[in-house]
N, C-alpha and C. Protein backbone atom coordinates (compact mmCIF):
# COMPACT_ATOMS: atom_id res chain seq x y z
N MET A 1 23.16 2.65 0.82
CA MET A 1 22.68 1.44 0.19
C MET A 1 23.07 1.46 -1.30
N THR A 2 23.37 0.31 -1.80
CA THR A 2 23.71 0.23 -3.22
C THR A 2 22.45 0.32 -4.06
N LYS A 3 22.64 0.59 -5.33
CA LYS A 3 21.50 0.67 -6.23
C LYS A 3 20.76 -0.66 -6.30
N GLU A 4 21.50 -1.76 -6.23
CA GLU A 4 20.89 -3.09 -6.26
C GLU A 4 20.01 -3.32 -5.03
N GLU A 5 20.49 -2.90 -3.85
CA GLU A 5 19.71 -3.05 -2.62
C GLU A 5 18.45 -2.20 -2.68
N VAL A 6 18.60 -0.99 -3.15
CA VAL A 6 17.44 -0.09 -3.28
C VAL A 6 16.45 -0.66 -4.29
N THR A 7 16.95 -1.23 -5.37
CA THR A 7 16.09 -1.83 -6.38
C THR A 7 15.29 -2.98 -5.80
N MET A 8 15.93 -3.84 -5.02
CA MET A 8 15.22 -4.96 -4.40
C MET A 8 14.13 -4.49 -3.45
N ILE A 9 14.45 -3.46 -2.68
CA ILE A 9 13.43 -2.89 -1.79
C ILE A 9 12.29 -2.31 -2.61
N GLY A 10 12.63 -1.66 -3.72
CA GLY A 10 11.60 -1.13 -4.61
C GLY A 10 10.67 -2.21 -5.12
N PHE A 11 11.23 -3.35 -5.52
CA PHE A 11 10.40 -4.46 -5.98
C PHE A 11 9.49 -4.96 -4.86
N GLU A 12 10.01 -5.02 -3.64
CA GLU A 12 9.19 -5.45 -2.50
C GLU A 12 8.03 -4.48 -2.27
N ILE A 13 8.32 -3.19 -2.33
CA ILE A 13 7.28 -2.19 -2.12
C ILE A 13 6.21 -2.30 -3.20
N VAL A 14 6.62 -2.48 -4.45
CA VAL A 14 5.66 -2.65 -5.55
C VAL A 14 4.77 -3.86 -5.28
N ALA A 15 5.37 -4.97 -4.86
CA ALA A 15 4.60 -6.18 -4.59
C ALA A 15 3.61 -5.97 -3.44
N TYR A 16 4.07 -5.36 -2.36
CA TYR A 16 3.17 -5.09 -1.23
C TYR A 16 2.04 -4.16 -1.64
N ALA A 17 2.38 -3.10 -2.35
CA ALA A 17 1.36 -2.13 -2.76
C ALA A 17 0.36 -2.77 -3.71
N GLY A 18 0.84 -3.62 -4.60
CA GLY A 18 -0.06 -4.30 -5.53
C GLY A 18 -1.01 -5.24 -4.82
N GLU A 19 -0.49 -5.95 -3.83
CA GLU A 19 -1.35 -6.85 -3.06
C GLU A 19 -2.40 -6.06 -2.29
N ALA A 20 -1.99 -4.97 -1.69
CA ALA A 20 -2.94 -4.13 -0.95
C ALA A 20 -4.00 -3.56 -1.89
N ARG A 21 -3.58 -3.10 -3.05
CA ARG A 21 -4.52 -2.54 -4.02
C ARG A 21 -5.57 -3.59 -4.41
N SER A 22 -5.14 -4.80 -4.67
CA SER A 22 -6.07 -5.87 -5.04
C SER A 22 -7.08 -6.13 -3.93
N LYS A 23 -6.59 -6.19 -2.69
CA LYS A 23 -7.49 -6.43 -1.56
C LYS A 23 -8.49 -5.29 -1.38
N LEU A 24 -8.03 -4.07 -1.59
CA LEU A 24 -8.91 -2.91 -1.44
C LEU A 24 -9.99 -2.89 -2.52
N LEU A 25 -9.62 -3.21 -3.75
CA LEU A 25 -10.62 -3.26 -4.81
C LEU A 25 -11.62 -4.39 -4.56
N MET A 26 -11.16 -5.51 -4.02
CA MET A 26 -12.08 -6.58 -3.65
C MET A 26 -13.00 -6.12 -2.52
N ALA A 27 -12.48 -5.33 -1.60
CA ALA A 27 -13.29 -4.82 -0.48
C ALA A 27 -14.42 -3.94 -1.00
N ILE A 28 -14.12 -3.12 -1.98
CA ILE A 28 -15.17 -2.26 -2.57
C ILE A 28 -16.24 -3.13 -3.21
N LYS A 29 -15.82 -4.15 -3.92
CA LYS A 29 -16.78 -5.05 -4.57
C LYS A 29 -17.65 -5.77 -3.53
N GLU A 30 -17.03 -6.21 -2.44
CA GLU A 30 -17.80 -6.87 -1.37
C GLU A 30 -18.81 -5.90 -0.76
N ALA A 31 -18.40 -4.67 -0.55
CA ALA A 31 -19.32 -3.68 0.02
C ALA A 31 -20.46 -3.38 -0.94
N GLU A 32 -20.14 -3.34 -2.21
CA GLU A 32 -21.17 -3.12 -3.22
C GLU A 32 -22.24 -4.22 -3.16
N ASN A 33 -21.81 -5.42 -2.79
CA ASN A 33 -22.73 -6.55 -2.64
C ASN A 33 -23.24 -6.71 -1.21
N SER A 34 -23.04 -5.70 -0.39
CA SER A 34 -23.50 -5.65 1.01
C SER A 34 -22.81 -6.67 1.90
N ASN A 35 -21.64 -7.15 1.52
CA ASN A 35 -20.85 -8.05 2.35
C ASN A 35 -19.85 -7.22 3.16
N PHE A 36 -20.36 -6.47 4.11
CA PHE A 36 -19.53 -5.50 4.83
C PHE A 36 -18.50 -6.15 5.74
N GLU A 37 -18.85 -7.27 6.32
CA GLU A 37 -17.88 -7.95 7.19
C GLU A 37 -16.67 -8.41 6.38
N LYS A 38 -16.92 -8.97 5.22
CA LYS A 38 -15.83 -9.41 4.34
C LYS A 38 -15.02 -8.20 3.85
N ALA A 39 -15.71 -7.11 3.55
CA ALA A 39 -15.03 -5.89 3.09
C ALA A 39 -14.08 -5.37 4.17
N GLU A 40 -14.55 -5.34 5.40
CA GLU A 40 -13.71 -4.85 6.49
C GLU A 40 -12.51 -5.78 6.72
N LYS A 41 -12.71 -7.07 6.56
CA LYS A 41 -11.61 -8.03 6.70
C LYS A 41 -10.55 -7.78 5.62
N LEU A 42 -10.99 -7.53 4.40
CA LEU A 42 -10.05 -7.25 3.31
C LEU A 42 -9.29 -5.95 3.55
N ILE A 43 -9.95 -4.96 4.10
CA ILE A 43 -9.27 -3.70 4.42
C ILE A 43 -8.21 -3.95 5.49
N ALA A 44 -8.55 -4.74 6.49
CA ALA A 44 -7.56 -5.05 7.53
C ALA A 44 -6.36 -5.78 6.94
N GLU A 45 -6.59 -6.71 6.03
CA GLU A 45 -5.49 -7.41 5.38
C GLU A 45 -4.64 -6.45 4.55
N ALA A 46 -5.29 -5.55 3.84
CA ALA A 46 -4.57 -4.55 3.04
C ALA A 46 -3.73 -3.65 3.94
N ASN A 47 -4.27 -3.29 5.09
CA ASN A 47 -3.52 -2.45 6.03
C ASN A 47 -2.23 -3.14 6.49
N GLU A 48 -2.33 -4.44 6.76
CA GLU A 48 -1.14 -5.19 7.18
C GLU A 48 -0.07 -5.16 6.10
N VAL A 49 -0.48 -5.35 4.86
CA VAL A 49 0.47 -5.36 3.75
C VAL A 49 1.07 -3.96 3.55
N LEU A 50 0.23 -2.94 3.67
CA LEU A 50 0.73 -1.57 3.53
C LEU A 50 1.73 -1.22 4.63
N LEU A 51 1.52 -1.77 5.82
CA LEU A 51 2.48 -1.54 6.90
C LEU A 51 3.84 -2.13 6.56
N GLU A 52 3.84 -3.28 5.90
CA GLU A 52 5.11 -3.88 5.46
C GLU A 52 5.81 -2.96 4.47
N ALA A 53 5.07 -2.46 3.50
CA ALA A 53 5.65 -1.56 2.50
C ALA A 53 6.15 -0.28 3.16
N HIS A 54 5.35 0.25 4.04
CA HIS A 54 5.73 1.49 4.72
C HIS A 54 6.98 1.27 5.58
N GLY A 55 7.08 0.09 6.17
CA GLY A 55 8.27 -0.24 6.97
C GLY A 55 9.53 -0.22 6.13
N GLN A 56 9.46 -0.76 4.92
CA GLN A 56 10.60 -0.73 4.01
C GLN A 56 10.98 0.71 3.67
N GLN A 57 9.97 1.51 3.39
CA GLN A 57 10.20 2.91 3.06
C GLN A 57 10.82 3.66 4.24
N THR A 58 10.30 3.44 5.43
CA THR A 58 10.79 4.11 6.63
C THR A 58 12.23 3.74 6.91
N GLU A 59 12.58 2.49 6.70
CA GLU A 59 13.96 2.05 6.92
C GLU A 59 14.92 2.83 6.01
N MET A 60 14.53 3.01 4.77
CA MET A 60 15.38 3.78 3.85
C MET A 60 15.50 5.23 4.28
N ILE A 61 14.41 5.82 4.71
CA ILE A 61 14.41 7.21 5.16
C ILE A 61 15.32 7.37 6.38
N GLN A 62 15.22 6.44 7.31
CA GLN A 62 16.05 6.50 8.51
C GLN A 62 17.53 6.39 8.18
N LYS A 63 17.87 5.52 7.26
CA LYS A 63 19.27 5.37 6.88
C LYS A 63 19.79 6.64 6.21
N GLU A 64 18.97 7.22 5.37
CA GLU A 64 19.39 8.46 4.72
C GLU A 64 19.53 9.58 5.74
N ALA A 65 18.61 9.65 6.70
CA ALA A 65 18.69 10.67 7.74
C ALA A 65 19.94 10.51 8.60
N ALA A 66 20.41 9.26 8.71
CA ALA A 66 21.62 8.98 9.49
C ALA A 66 22.89 9.23 8.68
N GLY A 67 22.74 9.67 7.44
CA GLY A 67 23.90 10.01 6.64
C GLY A 67 24.28 9.02 5.57
N GLU A 68 23.58 7.89 5.52
CA GLU A 68 23.88 6.89 4.49
C GLU A 68 23.25 7.34 3.17
N THR A 69 24.00 7.23 2.10
CA THR A 69 23.46 7.62 0.80
C THR A 69 22.77 6.42 0.15
N ASN A 70 21.71 6.73 -0.56
CA ASN A 70 20.95 5.73 -1.28
C ASN A 70 20.99 6.07 -2.76
N GLU A 71 21.37 5.11 -3.57
CA GLU A 71 21.37 5.31 -5.01
C GLU A 71 20.01 4.94 -5.55
N LEU A 72 19.20 5.96 -5.81
CA LEU A 72 17.84 5.71 -6.26
C LEU A 72 17.79 5.54 -7.77
N GLY A 73 16.93 4.65 -8.19
CA GLY A 73 16.69 4.44 -9.61
C GLY A 73 15.20 4.56 -9.88
N PHE A 74 14.85 4.37 -11.13
CA PHE A 74 13.46 4.53 -11.52
C PHE A 74 12.55 3.51 -10.83
N ILE A 75 13.06 2.33 -10.51
CA ILE A 75 12.23 1.31 -9.85
C ILE A 75 11.75 1.82 -8.50
N MET A 76 12.61 2.51 -7.75
CA MET A 76 12.18 3.04 -6.46
C MET A 76 11.16 4.17 -6.65
N VAL A 77 11.34 4.98 -7.65
CA VAL A 77 10.35 6.03 -7.95
C VAL A 77 9.01 5.36 -8.27
N HIS A 78 9.07 4.33 -9.08
CA HIS A 78 7.87 3.57 -9.44
C HIS A 78 7.22 2.96 -8.19
N ALA A 79 8.04 2.43 -7.30
CA ALA A 79 7.53 1.84 -6.07
C ALA A 79 6.83 2.87 -5.20
N GLN A 80 7.40 4.06 -5.11
CA GLN A 80 6.78 5.11 -4.31
C GLN A 80 5.43 5.51 -4.89
N ASP A 81 5.36 5.55 -6.21
CA ASP A 81 4.11 5.85 -6.89
C ASP A 81 3.05 4.81 -6.56
N HIS A 82 3.41 3.53 -6.63
CA HIS A 82 2.48 2.46 -6.30
C HIS A 82 2.04 2.53 -4.85
N LEU A 83 2.97 2.79 -3.95
CA LEU A 83 2.63 2.84 -2.53
C LEU A 83 1.66 3.98 -2.23
N MET A 84 1.94 5.15 -2.76
CA MET A 84 1.08 6.30 -2.48
C MET A 84 -0.30 6.10 -3.10
N THR A 85 -0.37 5.49 -4.27
CA THR A 85 -1.66 5.21 -4.90
C THR A 85 -2.47 4.23 -4.05
N ALA A 86 -1.81 3.20 -3.55
CA ALA A 86 -2.50 2.22 -2.70
C ALA A 86 -2.97 2.87 -1.41
N MET A 87 -2.18 3.75 -0.85
CA MET A 87 -2.58 4.42 0.39
C MET A 87 -3.78 5.34 0.15
N LEU A 88 -3.81 6.01 -0.98
CA LEU A 88 -4.96 6.84 -1.33
C LEU A 88 -6.20 5.96 -1.53
N LEU A 89 -6.02 4.84 -2.21
CA LEU A 89 -7.14 3.93 -2.43
C LEU A 89 -7.68 3.41 -1.10
N LYS A 90 -6.81 3.19 -0.13
CA LYS A 90 -7.26 2.74 1.20
C LYS A 90 -8.22 3.75 1.81
N ASP A 91 -7.85 5.02 1.74
CA ASP A 91 -8.72 6.07 2.28
C ASP A 91 -10.05 6.13 1.54
N LEU A 92 -10.00 6.05 0.23
CA LEU A 92 -11.22 6.11 -0.56
C LEU A 92 -12.10 4.88 -0.35
N THR A 93 -11.48 3.73 -0.18
CA THR A 93 -12.24 2.50 0.03
C THR A 93 -13.12 2.61 1.27
N GLN A 94 -12.58 3.15 2.33
CA GLN A 94 -13.39 3.29 3.55
C GLN A 94 -14.57 4.22 3.32
N HIS A 95 -14.37 5.28 2.55
CA HIS A 95 -15.48 6.18 2.22
C HIS A 95 -16.54 5.46 1.39
N PHE A 96 -16.10 4.69 0.41
CA PHE A 96 -17.05 3.93 -0.41
C PHE A 96 -17.87 2.97 0.45
N ILE A 97 -17.21 2.28 1.34
CA ILE A 97 -17.92 1.32 2.19
C ILE A 97 -18.94 2.04 3.06
N ASN A 98 -18.55 3.18 3.60
CA ASN A 98 -19.50 3.95 4.41
C ASN A 98 -20.71 4.37 3.58
N LEU A 99 -20.49 4.75 2.34
CA LEU A 99 -21.61 5.13 1.47
C LEU A 99 -22.51 3.94 1.17
N TYR A 100 -21.91 2.78 0.91
CA TYR A 100 -22.70 1.58 0.66
C TYR A 100 -23.51 1.20 1.90
N LYS A 101 -22.94 1.37 3.07
CA LYS A 101 -23.66 1.06 4.31
C LYS A 101 -24.86 1.98 4.48
N LYS A 102 -24.69 3.26 4.18
CA LYS A 102 -25.78 4.22 4.32
C LYS A 102 -26.91 3.97 3.32
N SER A 103 -26.56 3.42 2.17
CA SER A 103 -27.58 3.20 1.15
C SER A 103 -28.38 1.92 1.38
N ASN A 104 -27.97 1.13 2.36
CA ASN A 104 -28.71 -0.11 2.68
C ASN A 104 -29.77 0.11 3.71
């Protein structure tokens, strides 16, 4: 893949990860207000968006495994950082919601 193609994928991953992060933070806020149904819906929406980002990442990995070279730039590194942070937040969000449920 060319550096331009990798850069575009990087921008897509950043956008997906950012959208997921926003939904997850909203889910925590909803759980804090005991709106658990809405919180779970937001988590499901975030999961869908994260799957899109992960799909982009997986496609690049598969191409590299098949011998295609990818010219990586800082944008892709940045995208990976955003994706992994959003995935960690997803795990923590579920723990927060469980804690809020127990405290009610």
